[in-house]
Amino acid sequence: MSSQAVDYAALEASTSVEEITENWSNRDILRSLKNDDLSALWLCAPDLADDYEDYVLCGSPELGWLGHFVTKSTRLESFGIHGREIFYNCSERSVERFFEDLGGCSHIKKIHFAITDLAGIIYKLGNAIKSNSITHWSMDGCFLGIPEATFLFNTFRDDMNSLEELHIDCDDGDEGLNDLDDNVMAGCIQSLTACTGMRKLNLNYLKLCNNSCAALSGIVPRIAALLELSLCGNSINDGSVEILACGLAACKHLRSLNLSQNRISDNGLDVLIQGLPVSVTHVAMGSNAVTLARQLPLLRFKKLDLMGNAFSLDGPRVIAASFVDPECRLEELNLERSNIGDEGVTTLVKGLQSNNRLARMYLYGSTITESGWNAFIPILCDTSSINATHGSNHTLQVLGGTYNLPKDVETLLHLNSEQDKSRVAAAKILRTHRHLDMRPLFGWEFGLLPYVIAWLERFAESRLDLKLSSVYEFVRAMPMKVTDRVVDKTKGKKRKLNS
């Protein structure tokens, strides 16, 4: 049966879903689409299908019926293709007709491609893009040649105010997914000028360098809504960063910048620290050329990723200097696979003694021994006195994916995960101080005793021994004051014979 010769509208009433496809999973998807009860449709290669929502095509007739129901749908918002040779058993005309039908569905907002050969289909998508108010366009692991990239970005050149997220990632662990270069991408990026409503822009593994960064620097100030920018796996160096930072300085709403797997050194990191707008709180600089060989203020970001950088011997000291700064905003720091050993950990620990912001520090993949991990114990729970325990670090909760943490360190980190830090401090005190020394409180005399009892009632309900011993210490230290109080209360009163 030739797909172009079929009048699906005329046959719909007399054709059941069971007659269209023998695949039971396909039947469920097709039935939902026919009943206008499907919001997302994924066409998937047989070897990649692992979800009930993945549709595996069995030929042109099925594709024709899919296109027919897609055109009628009022709920279908997302369409995607996962895998290569999706249409291998479909006629060229049936594929063309399907994409024509896709363009006729005016409700589609999101389009996704994963591990797909775009050369044969991207030119068929023009109408689908232009006839819909696309908000999300995503490509992962797809080969992108110069003609395909040029066509795609030229399509974005038209009125694309609706586009909120553009994600293009040509990484599959191989460098053969595109034949682009910096000049080609610079021209493509210029086309994004019309996408003024974009909130997330990811251009990963596209060989961006100086020219592309210059193009980005020119357009990002016009994208006022931009919140996240990812330029992972490109050829961006210190010079590129300097060019890019000029444009990013005007992005007053930008929150996150990912420049991992580029060629940026300490100089480039310094440019970012000095030049990024204050709105940026998350920066990823993993697998670059950052060594921290000189003092850099790392304290301005809340989340900083430096994993996979080969730090100099002075690196831990540079990080610790930011920890001790009272203006340090760091809440999460990734130092995985950054050659930090026991000596480096000791330096980091010293910096954390007065830090009450950092909650997560990832050190997985470093050469840290049990001795190094145990260096965290004194700052997490200083047992030298009750006051010291109370003033310990109650914020640090994660040391990141480590499978060989000593039990005591793991326990203390788990305690710190409690939101009520008063309860955390009390738990550490009760865990490490079996006897509470009341002597430092004697200067307040009995005025403080009710507060001591109240504290014990709240945090040590089952510790009657602590309550009694605390009262006993006060009484033993000030016996005459106890006697005076008893005398004062009984003076002037007649005493019964059996008193």
Foldseek 3Di string as FASTA:
>chain_A
DDLVVDDCVVCVVVDQLCNQDVDPLQSVLLVCLQVLNDAEAEAEDPVPDDDSRYHQDDELSNLSSVLVSLLVHPRHAEYEYEAECSHVRYDPVSLLSSLVSLLNNQRHAEYEYELYACVSPLVSNLSNPVSYLHAYYEYYQAAAELVSLQVVLLSLLPQNCNHAEYYHANDDPDLRRYPAEQVSLLVSLLSNLNNLQYAYYADESRQHEQSNLLSQLVRVLSNQNHAEYEYYQYAYELNSLLNNLNSQLNNQRHAEYEHENYAYEPNSVQSCVPRHHLNHAYYEHEQYAYAPPDAHQPQSHQYYEHEHYAHDPCNLLNVLVNLQPPSRNHQEYEHENHQQELVSLLSNLVSPLQHARHAEYEHHNYHYDQNSLCSNVCQLAPLPALVSRLSHHLRHQYHHPDPDHPPSSNVSSPLSVDPPSVLSSLVSCVVRPVEHDCVVVCVVQCVCLVVVLVSCVVRPVPPPVRNVVNVVVSCVVCVVVVVVVVCVVCPPDDDDPVD
